[in-house]
C-alpha atoms as a PDB file:
ATOM      1  CA  MET A   1      97.611  93.664 124.127  1.00  0.00           C
ATOM      2  CA  ALA A   2      94.915  96.320 123.676  1.00  0.00           C
ATOM      3  CA  SER A   3      92.119  97.561 125.843  1.00  0.00           C
ATOM      4  CA  ASN A   4      89.139  98.453 123.713  1.00  0.00           C
ATOM      5  CA  LYS A   5      88.935 101.729 125.595  1.00  0.00           C
ATOM      6  CA  ALA A   6      92.459 102.813 124.597  1.00  0.00           C
ATOM      7  CA  LEU A   7      92.921 106.110 122.764  1.00  0.00           C
ATOM      8  CA  VAL A   8      94.317 105.850 119.237  1.00  0.00           C
ATOM      9  CA  VAL A   9      95.713 108.807 117.300  1.00  0.00           C
ATOM     10  CA  VAL A  10      95.111 108.577 113.541  1.00  0.00           C
ATOM     11  CA  THR A  11      96.956 111.170 111.478  1.00  0.00           C
ATOM     12  CA  GLY A  12      95.489 112.579 108.273  1.00  0.00           C
ATOM     13  CA  GLY A  13      91.853 112.070 109.236  1.00  0.00           C
ATOM     14  CA  SER A  14      90.393 113.548 106.063  1.00  0.00           C
ATOM     15  CA  GLY A  15      92.133 110.972 103.873  1.00  0.00           C
ATOM     16  CA  PHE A  16      90.805 107.805 102.245  1.00  0.00           C
ATOM     17  CA  ILE A  17      92.748 105.221 104.277  1.00  0.00           C
ATOM     18  CA  ALA A  18      92.583 107.166 107.541  1.00  0.00           C
ATOM     19  CA  SER A  19      88.787 107.512 107.324  1.00  0.00           C
ATOM     20  CA  TRP A  20      88.346 103.756 107.099  1.00  0.00           C
ATOM     21  CA  CYS A  21      90.866 103.198 109.906  1.00  0.00           C
ATOM     22  CA  ILE A  22      88.823 105.514 112.120  1.00  0.00           C
ATOM     23  CA  ILE A  23      85.567 103.763 111.219  1.00  0.00           C
ATOM     24  CA  GLU A  24      86.948 100.325 112.074  1.00  0.00           C
ATOM     25  CA  LEU A  25      88.586 101.543 115.294  1.00  0.00           C
ATOM     26  CA  VAL A  26      85.362 103.131 116.534  1.00  0.00           C
ATOM     27  CA  LYS A  27      83.409  99.976 115.689  1.00  0.00           C
ATOM     28  CA  LYS A  28      85.901  97.999 117.795  1.00  0.00           C
ATOM     29  CA  GLY A  29      85.355 100.279 120.775  1.00  0.00           C
ATOM     30  CA  TYR A  30      88.466 102.432 120.632  1.00  0.00           C
ATOM     31  CA  HIS A  31      88.503 106.129 121.395  1.00  0.00           C
ATOM     32  CA  VAL A  32      89.910 107.992 118.394  1.00  0.00           C
ATOM     33  CA  ARG A  33      91.586 111.344 117.982  1.00  0.00           C
ATOM     34  CA  THR A  34      92.478 112.286 114.435  1.00  0.00           C
ATOM     35  CA  THR A  35      94.673 115.031 113.072  1.00  0.00           C
ATOM     36  CA  VAL A  36      93.608 117.405 110.322  1.00  0.00           C
ATOM     37  CA  ARG A  37      95.361 120.411 108.849  1.00  0.00           C
ATOM     38  CA  SER A  38      92.414 122.631 109.729  1.00  0.00           C
ATOM     39  CA  LEU A  39      89.345 122.287 111.941  1.00  0.00           C
ATOM     40  CA  SER A  40      87.360 123.705 109.027  1.00  0.00           C
ATOM     41  CA  LYS A  41      87.374 120.091 107.784  1.00  0.00           C
ATOM     42  CA  ALA A  42      85.557 118.807 110.885  1.00  0.00           C
ATOM     43  CA  ASP A  43      82.077 118.555 109.362  1.00  0.00           C
ATOM     44  CA  HIS A  44      83.465 116.978 106.192  1.00  0.00           C
ATOM     45  CA  VAL A  45      85.406 114.355 108.148  1.00  0.00           C
ATOM     46  CA  ARG A  46      82.415 113.419 110.294  1.00  0.00           C
ATOM     47  CA  GLN A  47      80.140 113.204 107.257  1.00  0.00           C
ATOM     48  CA  MET A  48      82.558 110.758 105.622  1.00  0.00           C
ATOM     49  CA  LEU A  49      82.559 108.638 108.779  1.00  0.00           C
ATOM     50  CA  VAL A  50      78.761 108.495 108.712  1.00  0.00           C
ATOM     51  CA  SER A  51      78.883 107.566 105.010  1.00  0.00           C
ATOM     52  CA  GLY A  52      81.135 104.675 106.016  1.00  0.00           C
ATOM     53  CA  GLY A  53      78.658 103.261 108.502  1.00  0.00           C
ATOM     54  CA  LEU A  54      79.118 105.099 111.795  1.00  0.00           C
ATOM     55  CA  THR A  55      76.168 106.671 113.559  1.00  0.00           C
ATOM     56  CA  SER A  56      76.150 110.449 113.992  1.00  0.00           C
ATOM     57  CA  GLU A  57      76.847 109.898 117.688  1.00  0.00           C
ATOM     58  CA  GLN A  58      79.846 107.683 116.931  1.00  0.00           C
ATOM     59  CA  ALA A  59      81.205 110.161 114.388  1.00  0.00           C
ATOM     60  CA  SER A  60      80.803 113.006 116.886  1.00  0.00           C
ATOM     61  CA  SER A  61      82.826 111.055 119.456  1.00  0.00           C
ATOM     62  CA  VAL A  62      85.924 111.275 117.244  1.00  0.00           C
ATOM     63  CA  GLU A  63      88.172 114.106 118.438  1.00  0.00           C
ATOM     64  CA  LEU A  64      89.836 116.334 115.854  1.00  0.00           C
ATOM     65  CA  SER A  65      93.197 117.969 116.466  1.00  0.00           C
ATOM     66  CA  PRO A  66      94.742 120.511 114.053  1.00  0.00           C
ATOM     67  CA  VAL A  67      98.378 119.766 113.142  1.00  0.00           C
ATOM     68  CA  ASP A  68     100.657 120.230 110.151  1.00  0.00           C
ATOM     69  CA  LEU A  69     103.212 117.619 109.060  1.00  0.00           C
ATOM     70  CA  MET A  70     105.788 120.396 108.664  1.00  0.00           C
ATOM     71  CA  LYS A  71     105.213 122.192 111.993  1.00  0.00           C
ATOM     72  CA  ASP A  72     105.698 121.196 115.636  1.00  0.00           C
ATOM     73  CA  ASP A  73     102.623 123.094 116.834  1.00  0.00           C
ATOM     74  CA  GLY A  74      99.758 120.960 118.108  1.00  0.00           C
ATOM     75  CA  TRP A  75     101.448 117.564 118.199  1.00  0.00           C
ATOM     76  CA  THR A  76     101.693 117.483 122.004  1.00  0.00           C
ATOM     77  CA  ASP A  77      97.947 118.010 122.352  1.00  0.00           C
ATOM     78  CA  ALA A  78      97.199 115.576 119.529  1.00  0.00           C
ATOM     79  CA  CYS A  79      99.097 112.726 121.206  1.00  0.00           C
ATOM     80  CA  ARG A  80      98.294 113.369 124.858  1.00  0.00           C
ATOM     81  CA  GLY A  81      96.944 110.277 126.643  1.00  0.00           C
ATOM     82  CA  ALA A  82      97.104 107.995 123.597  1.00  0.00           C
ATOM     83  CA  LYS A  83      98.318 104.403 123.636  1.00  0.00           C
ATOM     84  CA  PHE A  84      98.638 103.874 119.888  1.00  0.00           C
ATOM     85  CA  MET A  85      99.194 105.893 116.740  1.00  0.00           C
ATOM     86  CA  LEU A  86      98.349 105.088 113.129  1.00  0.00           C
ATOM     87  CA  HIS A  87     100.500 107.481 111.126  1.00  0.00           C
ATOM     88  CA  VAL A  88      98.587 107.550 107.851  1.00  0.00           C
ATOM     89  CA  ALA A  89      99.097 111.163 106.766  1.00  0.00           C
ATOM     90  CA  SER A  90     101.449 111.680 103.837  1.00  0.00           C
ATOM     91  CA  PRO A  91     101.454 113.956 100.794  1.00  0.00           C
ATOM     92  CA  PHE A  92      99.835 112.307  97.762  1.00  0.00           C
ATOM     93  CA  PRO A  93     100.038 114.614  94.733  1.00  0.00           C
ATOM     94  CA  PRO A  94      97.414 114.274  91.969  1.00  0.00           C
ATOM     95  CA  SER A  95     100.256 114.678  89.458  1.00  0.00           C
ATOM     96  CA  ALA A  96     104.034 114.590  89.601  1.00  0.00           C
ATOM     97  CA  PRO A  97     105.383 117.828  91.150  1.00  0.00           C
ATOM     98  CA  LYS A  98     108.132 119.811  89.428  1.00  0.00           C
ATOM     99  CA  ASP A  99     110.261 119.673  92.587  1.00  0.00           C
ATOM    100  CA  GLU A 100     110.408 116.284  94.332  1.00  0.00           C
ATOM    101  CA  ASP A 101     111.038 118.007  97.684  1.00  0.00           C
ATOM    102  CA  GLU A 102     107.393 119.117  97.597  1.00  0.00           C
ATOM    103  CA  VAL A 103     106.576 115.483  98.395  1.00  0.00           C
ATOM    104  CA  VAL A 104     109.746 113.863  99.744  1.00  0.00           C
ATOM    105  CA  LYS A 105     110.538 116.433 102.429  1.00  0.00           C
ATOM    106  CA  PRO A 106     107.092 116.557 104.107  1.00  0.00           C
ATOM    107  CA  ALA A 107     106.784 112.758 103.946  1.00  0.00           C
ATOM    108  CA  LYS A 108     110.088 112.212 105.752  1.00  0.00           C
ATOM    109  CA  GLU A 109     109.900 115.143 108.157  1.00  0.00           C
ATOM    110  CA  GLY A 110     106.241 114.506 108.916  1.00  0.00           C
ATOM    111  CA  THR A 111     106.927 110.872 109.760  1.00  0.00           C
ATOM    112  CA  LEU A 112     109.805 111.768 112.078  1.00  0.00           C
ATOM    113  CA  ARG A 113     107.746 114.544 113.682  1.00  0.00           C
ATOM    114  CA  ALA A 114     104.906 112.098 114.369  1.00  0.00           C
ATOM    115  CA  LEU A 115     107.328 109.544 115.838  1.00  0.00           C
ATOM    116  CA  ARG A 116     108.969 112.119 118.110  1.00  0.00           C
ATOM    117  CA  ALA A 117     105.560 113.274 119.306  1.00  0.00           C
ATOM    118  CA  ALA A 118     104.536 109.674 119.959  1.00  0.00           C
ATOM    119  CA  LYS A 119     107.658 109.104 122.051  1.00  0.00           C
ATOM    120  CA  ALA A 120     107.133 112.295 124.053  1.00  0.00           C
ATOM    121  CA  ALA A 121     103.539 111.249 124.801  1.00  0.00           C
ATOM    122  CA  GLY A 122     104.502 107.724 125.858  1.00  0.00           C
ATOM    123  CA  ILE A 123     102.664 106.069 122.973  1.00  0.00           C
ATOM    124  CA  GLN A 124     103.365 102.336 122.949  1.00  0.00           C
ATOM    125  CA  ARG A 125     103.191 101.503 119.241  1.00  0.00           C
ATOM    126  CA  VAL A 126     103.126 103.441 115.976  1.00  0.00           C
ATOM    127  CA  VAL A 127     101.902 101.798 112.774  1.00  0.00           C
ATOM    128  CA  ILE A 128     103.159 103.662 109.726  1.00  0.00           C
ATOM    129  CA  THR A 129     101.288 103.666 106.445  1.00  0.00           C
ATOM    130  CA  SER A 130     104.020 103.109 103.895  1.00  0.00           C
ATOM    131  CA  SER A 131     103.403 101.707 100.405  1.00  0.00           C
ATOM    132  CA  MET A 132     104.437  99.045  97.942  1.00  0.00           C
ATOM    133  CA  ALA A 133     105.990 102.100  96.273  1.00  0.00           C
ATOM    134  CA  ALA A 134     108.695 101.730  98.937  1.00  0.00           C
ATOM    135  CA  THR A 135     109.305  98.116  97.922  1.00  0.00           C
ATOM    136  CA  THR A 136     108.891  97.350  94.243  1.00  0.00           C
ATOM    137  CA  TYR A 137     110.228 100.210  92.121  1.00  0.00           C
ATOM    138  CA  GLY A 138     113.545 100.658  90.367  1.00  0.00           C
ATOM    139  CA  HIS A 139     114.302  96.941  89.940  1.00  0.00           C
ATOM    140  CA  LYS A 140     115.130  96.095  86.334  1.00  0.00           C
ATOM    141  CA  GLU A 141     115.103  92.339  86.825  1.00  0.00           C
ATOM    142  CA  THR A 142     111.922  90.309  87.317  1.00  0.00           C
ATOM    143  CA  LYS A 143     111.406  89.743  91.043  1.00  0.00           C
ATOM    144  CA  HIS A 144     109.195  88.102  93.633  1.00  0.00           C
ATOM    145  CA  PHE A 145     108.630  90.924  96.108  1.00  0.00           C
ATOM    146  CA  THR A 146     108.341  90.458  99.871  1.00  0.00           C
ATOM    147  CA  GLU A 147     108.866  92.638 102.927  1.00  0.00           C
ATOM    148  CA  LYS A 148     112.633  92.199 102.544  1.00  0.00           C
ATOM    149  CA  ASP A 149     112.720  94.337  99.394  1.00  0.00           C
ATOM    150  CA  TRP A 150     113.163  98.083  99.050  1.00  0.00           C
ATOM    151  CA  SER A 151     112.661 100.362  96.075  1.00  0.00           C
ATOM    152  CA  VAL A 152     115.852 101.622  94.449  1.00  0.00           C
ATOM    153  CA  ILE A 153     115.467 105.357  94.987  1.00  0.00           C
ATOM    154  CA  ALA A 154     118.390 106.203  92.704  1.00  0.00           C
ATOM    155  CA  ALA A 155     116.590 104.657  89.711  1.00  0.00           C
ATOM    156  CA  LYS A 156     115.969 107.294  87.050  1.00  0.00           C
ATOM    157  CA  ASP A 157     112.398 106.165  86.363  1.00  0.00           C
ATOM    158  CA  ASN A 158     111.211 106.541  89.971  1.00  0.00           C
ATOM    159  CA  ASP A 159     108.731 109.337  90.548  1.00  0.00           C
ATOM    160  CA  PRO A 160     108.721 111.634  93.625  1.00  0.00           C
ATOM    161  CA  TYR A 161     105.884 109.745  95.327  1.00  0.00           C
ATOM    162  CA  GLN A 162     107.765 106.444  95.175  1.00  0.00           C
ATOM    163  CA  LYS A 163     110.871 108.142  96.536  1.00  0.00           C
ATOM    164  CA  SER A 164     108.901 109.890  99.289  1.00  0.00           C
ATOM    165  CA  LYS A 165     107.414 106.652 100.616  1.00  0.00           C
ATOM    166  CA  THR A 166     110.790 104.889 100.498  1.00  0.00           C
ATOM    167  CA  VAL A 167     112.728 107.698 102.187  1.00  0.00           C
ATOM    168  CA  ALA A 168     110.044 108.222 104.851  1.00  0.00           C
ATOM    169  CA  GLU A 169     109.802 104.549 105.782  1.00  0.00           C
ATOM    170  CA  GLN A 170     113.562 104.062 105.859  1.00  0.00           C
ATOM    171  CA  ALA A 171     113.874 107.125 108.104  1.00  0.00           C
ATOM    172  CA  ALA A 172     111.257 105.643 110.439  1.00  0.00           C
ATOM    173  CA  TRP A 173     113.148 102.373 110.781  1.00  0.00           C
ATOM    174  CA  GLU A 174     116.414 104.207 111.449  1.00  0.00           C
ATOM    175  CA  TRP A 175     114.641 106.253 114.127  1.00  0.00           C
ATOM    176  CA  SER A 176     113.191 103.074 115.608  1.00  0.00           C
ATOM    177  CA  LYS A 177     116.680 101.603 116.103  1.00  0.00           C
ATOM    178  CA  GLU A 178     117.622 104.618 118.214  1.00  0.00           C
ATOM    179  CA  ASN A 179     114.296 104.754 120.081  1.00  0.00           C
ATOM    180  CA  PRO A 180     113.349 101.142 120.862  1.00  0.00           C
ATOM    181  CA  GLU A 181     110.905 102.161 123.584  1.00  0.00           C
ATOM    182  CA  VAL A 182     108.395 103.047 120.838  1.00  0.00           C
ATOM    183  CA  GLU A 183     107.308  99.943 118.938  1.00  0.00           C
ATOM    184  CA  VAL A 184     107.044 100.472 115.185  1.00  0.00           C
ATOM    185  CA  ALA A 185     105.341  98.471 112.435  1.00  0.00           C
ATOM    186  CA  SER A 186     104.615  99.387 108.831  1.00  0.00           C
ATOM    187  CA  VAL A 187     101.825  98.493 106.424  1.00  0.00           C
ATOM    188  CA  ASN A 188     102.739  98.680 102.736  1.00  0.00           C
ATOM    189  CA  PRO A 189      99.591  98.823 100.585  1.00  0.00           C
ATOM    190  CA  ALA A 190      99.443  98.265  96.848  1.00  0.00           C
ATOM    191  CA  LEU A 191      96.976 100.376  94.812  1.00  0.00           C
ATOM    192  CA  VAL A 192      94.199 101.121  97.306  1.00  0.00           C
ATOM    193  CA  LEU A 193      90.706 100.722  95.874  1.00  0.00           C
ATOM    194  CA  GLY A 194      87.324 100.120  97.475  1.00  0.00           C
ATOM    195  CA  PRO A 195      84.412 102.336  98.518  1.00  0.00           C
ATOM    196  CA  ILE A 196      85.166 106.048  98.555  1.00  0.00           C
ATOM    197  CA  LEU A 197      83.281 108.124 101.126  1.00  0.00           C
ATOM    198  CA  GLY A 198      83.134 111.322  99.088  1.00  0.00           C
ATOM    199  CA  LYS A 199      84.382 112.862  95.852  1.00  0.00           C
ATOM    200  CA  ASP A 200      87.521 114.110  97.614  1.00  0.00           C
ATOM    201  CA  ASP A 201      88.637 110.478  97.987  1.00  0.00           C
ATOM    202  CA  SER A 202      88.828 109.907  94.250  1.00  0.00           C
ATOM    203  CA  THR A 203      92.573 110.532  93.678  1.00  0.00           C
ATOM    204  CA  SER A 204      93.499 106.885  94.145  1.00  0.00           C
ATOM    205  CA  GLN A 205      90.478 105.851  92.090  1.00  0.00           C
ATOM    206  CA  GLN A 206      91.485 107.600  88.876  1.00  0.00           C
ATOM    207  CA  LEU A 207      92.390 104.346  87.141  1.00  0.00           C
ATOM    208  CA  VAL A 208      88.948 102.819  87.753  1.00  0.00           C
ATOM    209  CA  LEU A 209      87.230 106.095  86.904  1.00  0.00           C
ATOM    210  CA  ARG A 210      89.084 106.417  83.612  1.00  0.00           C
ATOM    211  CA  LEU A 211      88.434 102.786  82.671  1.00  0.00           C
ATOM    212  CA  MET A 212      84.717 103.042  83.435  1.00  0.00           C
ATOM    213  CA  ASN A 213      84.343 106.346  81.573  1.00  0.00           C
ATOM    214  CA  GLY A 214      86.190 105.135  78.471  1.00  0.00           C
ATOM    215  CA  GLN A 215      89.026 107.626  78.900  1.00  0.00           C
ATOM    216  CA  VAL A 216      91.710 104.979  78.286  1.00  0.00           C
ATOM    217  CA  PRO A 217      91.704 104.093  74.564  1.00  0.00           C
ATOM    218  CA  GLY A 218      94.186 101.263  75.044  1.00  0.00           C
ATOM    219  CA  LEU A 219      95.704  99.439  77.995  1.00  0.00           C
ATOM    220  CA  PRO A 220      99.408  99.585  78.860  1.00  0.00           C
ATOM    221  CA  GLN A 221     100.897  96.140  79.467  1.00  0.00           C
ATOM    222  CA  LEU A 222     101.325  96.932  83.146  1.00  0.00           C
ATOM    223  CA  GLN A 223     100.797  94.895  86.279  1.00  0.00           C
ATOM    224  CA  LEU A 224      99.476  96.399  89.495  1.00  0.00           C
ATOM    225  CA  GLY A 225      98.879  95.109  92.981  1.00  0.00           C
ATOM    226  CA  VAL A 226      95.420  95.949  94.324  1.00  0.00           C
ATOM    227  CA  VAL A 227      93.900  96.003  97.808  1.00  0.00           C
ATOM    228  CA  ASP A 228      90.554  97.084  99.263  1.00  0.00           C
ATOM    229  CA  VAL A 229      90.744 100.071 101.629  1.00  0.00           C
ATOM    230  CA  ARG A 230      88.714  98.188 104.250  1.00  0.00           C
ATOM    231  CA  ASP A 231      91.358  95.472 104.280  1.00  0.00           C
ATOM    232  CA  VAL A 232      94.070  98.122 104.569  1.00  0.00           C
ATOM    233  CA  ALA A 233      92.333  99.467 107.677  1.00  0.00           C
ATOM    234  CA  ASP A 234      91.960  95.957 109.067  1.00  0.00           C
ATOM    235  CA  LEU A 235      95.670  95.243 108.624  1.00  0.00           C
ATOM    236  CA  HIS A 236      96.607  98.520 110.340  1.00  0.00           C
ATOM    237  CA  ILE A 237      94.566  97.541 113.379  1.00  0.00           C
ATOM    238  CA  ARG A 238      95.969  94.007 113.448  1.00  0.00           C
ATOM    239  CA  ALA A 239      99.487  95.461 113.259  1.00  0.00           C
ATOM    240  CA  MET A 240      98.588  97.814 116.105  1.00  0.00           C
ATOM    241  CA  GLU A 241      97.134  95.134 118.378  1.00  0.00           C
ATOM    242  CA  ASP A 242      99.244  92.038 117.790  1.00  0.00           C
ATOM    243  CA  PRO A 243     102.556  91.738 119.697  1.00  0.00           C
ATOM    244  CA  LYS A 244     104.002  89.786 116.763  1.00  0.00           C
ATOM    245  CA  ALA A 245     103.813  92.879 114.537  1.00  0.00           C
ATOM    246  CA  LYS A 246     106.467  94.769 116.517  1.00  0.00           C
ATOM    247  CA  GLY A 247     109.351  95.746 114.253  1.00  0.00           C
ATOM    248  CA  GLU A 248     107.772  94.237 111.131  1.00  0.00           C
ATOM    249  CA  ARG A 249     106.775  95.375 107.635  1.00  0.00           C
ATOM    250  CA  PHE A 250     103.688  93.910 105.962  1.00  0.00           C
ATOM    251  CA  VAL A 251     102.918  93.685 102.252  1.00  0.00           C
ATOM    252  CA  CYS A 252      99.272  94.724 101.906  1.00  0.00           C
ATOM    253  CA  ALA A 253      97.781  93.381  98.665  1.00  0.00           C
ATOM    254  CA  SER A 254      95.085  90.965  97.560  1.00  0.00           C
ATOM    255  CA  ASP A 255      95.892  87.269  97.274  1.00  0.00           C
ATOM    256  CA  GLU A 256      96.219  87.539  93.493  1.00  0.00           C
ATOM    257  CA  GLY A 257      99.316  89.728  93.851  1.00  0.00           C
ATOM    258  CA  TYR A 258      99.989  91.517  90.589  1.00  0.00           C
ATOM    259  CA  VAL A 259      97.171  91.720  88.054  1.00  0.00           C
ATOM    260  CA  SER A 260      97.357  93.215  84.577  1.00  0.00           C
ATOM    261  CA  MET A 261      95.330  96.213  83.525  1.00  0.00           C
ATOM    262  CA  LYS A 262      93.594  93.939  81.021  1.00  0.00           C
ATOM    263  CA  GLN A 263      92.556  91.597  83.859  1.00  0.00           C
ATOM    264  CA  MET A 264      91.173  94.601  85.719  1.00  0.00           C
ATOM    265  CA  SER A 265      89.196  95.832  82.738  1.00  0.00           C
ATOM    266  CA  LEU A 266      87.807  92.360  82.023  1.00  0.00           C
ATOM    267  CA  ALA A 267      86.853  91.932  85.688  1.00  0.00           C
ATOM    268  CA  LEU A 268      84.818  95.141  85.593  1.00  0.00           C
ATOM    269  CA  LYS A 269      83.031  93.953  82.456  1.00  0.00           C
ATOM    270  CA  GLU A 270      82.380  90.528  84.000  1.00  0.00           C
ATOM    271  CA  ARG A 271      80.931  91.904  87.225  1.00  0.00           C
ATOM    272  CA  LEU A 272      79.180  95.067  86.029  1.00  0.00           C
ATOM    273  CA  GLY A 273      78.003  94.135  82.547  1.00  0.00           C
ATOM    274  CA  ASP A 274      76.708  97.046  80.484  1.00  0.00           C
ATOM    275  CA  LYS A 275      77.795  99.599  83.093  1.00  0.00           C
ATOM    276  CA  ALA A 276      81.394  98.703  82.185  1.00  0.00           C
ATOM    277  CA  ARG A 277      80.843  98.774  78.428  1.00  0.00           C
ATOM    278  CA  ARG A 278      83.390 101.580  77.970  1.00  0.00           C
ATOM    279  CA  CYS A 279      86.221  99.605  79.589  1.00  0.00           C
ATOM    280  CA  PRO A 280      88.824  98.817  76.901  1.00  0.00           C
ATOM    281  CA  THR A 281      90.426  95.425  76.342  1.00  0.00           C
ATOM    282  CA  PHE A 282      92.958  96.376  73.651  1.00  0.00           C
ATOM    283  CA  GLU A 283      96.567  96.327  74.898  1.00  0.00           C
ATOM    284  CA  VAL A 284      98.891  98.979  73.466  1.00  0.00           C
ATOM    285  CA  PRO A 285     102.204  97.553  72.188  1.00  0.00           C
ATOM    286  CA  ASN A 286     105.107  98.365  74.496  1.00  0.00           C
ATOM    287  CA  PHE A 287     107.233  99.853  71.721  1.00  0.00           C
ATOM    288  CA  LEU A 288     104.514 102.384  70.937  1.00  0.00           C
ATOM    289  CA  LEU A 289     104.274 103.564  74.538  1.00  0.00           C
ATOM    290  CA  SER A 290     108.064 103.760  74.708  1.00  0.00           C
ATOM    291  CA  ILE A 291     108.021 106.136  71.747  1.00  0.00           C
ATOM    292  CA  VAL A 292     105.232 108.231  73.294  1.00  0.00           C
ATOM    293  CA  GLY A 293     107.285 108.371  76.497  1.00  0.00           C
ATOM    294  CA  LEU A 294     109.940 110.404  74.689  1.00  0.00           C
ATOM    295  CA  TRP A 295     107.722 113.483  75.010  1.00  0.00           C
ATOM    296  CA  ASP A 296     105.122 112.495  77.608  1.00  0.00           C
ATOM    297  CA  PRO A 297     106.674 112.510  81.131  1.00  0.00           C
ATOM    298  CA  GLN A 298     103.784 110.516  82.617  1.00  0.00           C
ATOM    299  CA  ILE A 299     104.315 107.682  80.113  1.00  0.00           C
ATOM    300  CA  ALA A 300     108.075 107.921  80.618  1.00  0.00           C
ATOM    301  CA  LEU A 301     107.592 107.104  84.305  1.00  0.00           C
ATOM    302  CA  ILE A 302     105.977 103.736  83.548  1.00  0.00           C
ATOM    303  CA  LYS A 303     108.242 102.778  80.645  1.00  0.00           C
ATOM    304  CA  GLY A 304     110.518 100.659  82.830  1.00  0.00           C
ATOM    305  CA  ALA A 305     107.583  98.592  84.118  1.00  0.00           C
ATOM    306  CA  LEU A 306     106.060  97.765  80.734  1.00  0.00           C
ATOM    307  CA  GLY A 307     105.852  94.040  80.140  1.00  0.00           C
ATOM    308  CA  LYS A 308     107.373  93.058  83.503  1.00  0.00           C
ATOM    309  CA  LYS A 309     105.999  89.886  85.104  1.00  0.00           C
ATOM    310  CA  ASP A 310     106.812  90.414  88.769  1.00  0.00           C
ATOM    311  CA  THR A 311     105.086  88.624  91.636  1.00  0.00           C
ATOM    312  CA  MET A 312     104.477  89.558  95.267  1.00  0.00           C
ATOM    313  CA  SER A 313     103.412  87.779  98.433  1.00  0.00           C
ATOM    314  CA  ASN A 314     101.057  88.811 101.245  1.00  0.00           C
ATOM    315  CA  ALA A 315     101.790  85.570 103.136  1.00  0.00           C
ATOM    316  CA  LYS A 316     103.446  87.306 106.081  1.00  0.00           C
ATOM    317  CA  ALA A 317     100.366  89.361 106.978  1.00  0.00           C
ATOM    318  CA  LYS A 318      98.096  86.352 106.555  1.00  0.00           C
ATOM    319  CA  GLU A 319     100.232  83.903 108.507  1.00  0.00           C
ATOM    320  CA  THR A 320     101.441  86.272 111.245  1.00  0.00           C
ATOM    321  CA  LEU A 321      98.339  88.381 111.823  1.00  0.00           C
ATOM    322  CA  GLY A 322      95.492  86.270 110.412  1.00  0.00           C
ATOM    323  CA  TRP A 323      94.691  88.858 107.751  1.00  0.00           C
ATOM    324  CA  ASN A 324      92.242  87.762 105.041  1.00  0.00           C
ATOM    325  CA  PRO A 325      91.798  90.356 102.277  1.00  0.00           C
ATOM    326  CA  ARG A 326      89.087  90.618  99.647  1.00  0.00           C
ATOM    327  CA  SER A 327      89.840  89.659  96.054  1.00  0.00           C
ATOM    328  CA  PHE A 328      91.055  92.268  93.584  1.00  0.00           C
ATOM    329  CA  LYS A 329      87.741  91.905  91.731  1.00  0.00           C
ATOM    330  CA  ASP A 330      85.756  92.757  94.856  1.00  0.00           C
ATOM    331  CA  ALA A 331      87.939  95.825  95.474  1.00  0.00           C
ATOM    332  CA  LEU A 332      87.571  96.976  91.855  1.00  0.00           C
ATOM    333  CA  VAL A 333      83.806  96.596  91.829  1.00  0.00           C
ATOM    334  CA  ALA A 334      83.467  98.366  95.181  1.00  0.00           C
ATOM    335  CA  SER A 335      85.387 101.302  93.694  1.00  0.00           C
ATOM    336  CA  ALA A 336      83.267 101.433  90.560  1.00  0.00           C
ATOM    337  CA  GLU A 337      80.003 101.211  92.485  1.00  0.00           C
ATOM    338  CA  ALA A 338      81.062 103.957  94.899  1.00  0.00           C
ATOM    339  CA  LEU A 339      82.146 106.206  92.033  1.00  0.00           C
ATOM    340  CA  GLU A 340      78.771 105.620  90.386  1.00  0.00           C
ATOM    341  CA  LYS A 341      77.013 106.498  93.650  1.00  0.00           C
ATOM    342  CA  GLN A 342      78.946 109.786  93.710  1.00  0.00           C
ATOM    343  CA  GLY A 343      77.713 110.544  90.178  1.00  0.00           C
ATOM    344  CA  MET A 344      81.189 110.325  88.656  1.00  0.00           C
ATOM    345  CA  ILE A 345      80.515 107.537  86.125  1.00  0.00           C
ATOM    346  CA  LYS A 346      78.942 108.427  82.777  1.00  0.00           C
ATOM    347  CA  ALA A 347      75.413 107.098  82.330  1.00  0.00           C
END
């Protein structure tokens, strides 16, 4: 389907997932233009690309185009001449905002703005970075999650990020029905770990950072899906290239599916030995966290997930696109080692 000389637009070029998408695209011979909110980030973006394995010449070949998710300015230039788009950009707050519209509105409007720009430019396919947050939240019953599932956005324990990813992806699919000339696919990653390319990438790594630095005295009885960022990038490109991905969603998680926080902590100890000595193994009783959640809004958000034993399947991505992700242990260790390299782990 793809010529290796095609131009690909990657939105949100200063972000963790987008950086690795750019690196893998350039290695495969694609021309890449990435969007950033300001060209003042140009040197930072290119330095991250070099940290991820590109040569200075390869990093310099990546075009940067200034656009804002909430403004129309610049999108025409950003998309001109492109064949594909990876729409990765989306607000990811370090903590829950007071007003959910701070996250939900730009996620939805930014996605629709990117899709409209892609259509106007004649882009053939757009791959949207969604999230398992658009799939697995708000379900009280134990479930086996696949691409057929959607988060229940009316659930009272959903946070604004989960709602933003759900609303944005649903809006994209509604738009796709009315604009079939633009092919759409979505990739729905679980918790994205793996090698960060700079300290700015550490938002999604806070769990590993806190475990390694002994900042978690006890472990909630929570399960999380995990995936390595390099595998996320790989799945984006497969969804971009393969005709079979048209109109499809793809769960993006390691083969293990859900793993408990205790499994994660034990895996770090197993692989890293003394470096992971601060990782806890004690699990906090659910009733205790439920009580704490009465006055701690962050704990209240996870209360509904405590003790759940859900499962998920990445079979569709593997069977349809030939995707073969790393194990959750490999992703965890890659995160910890990269955080150590950045000087963020206590000696």
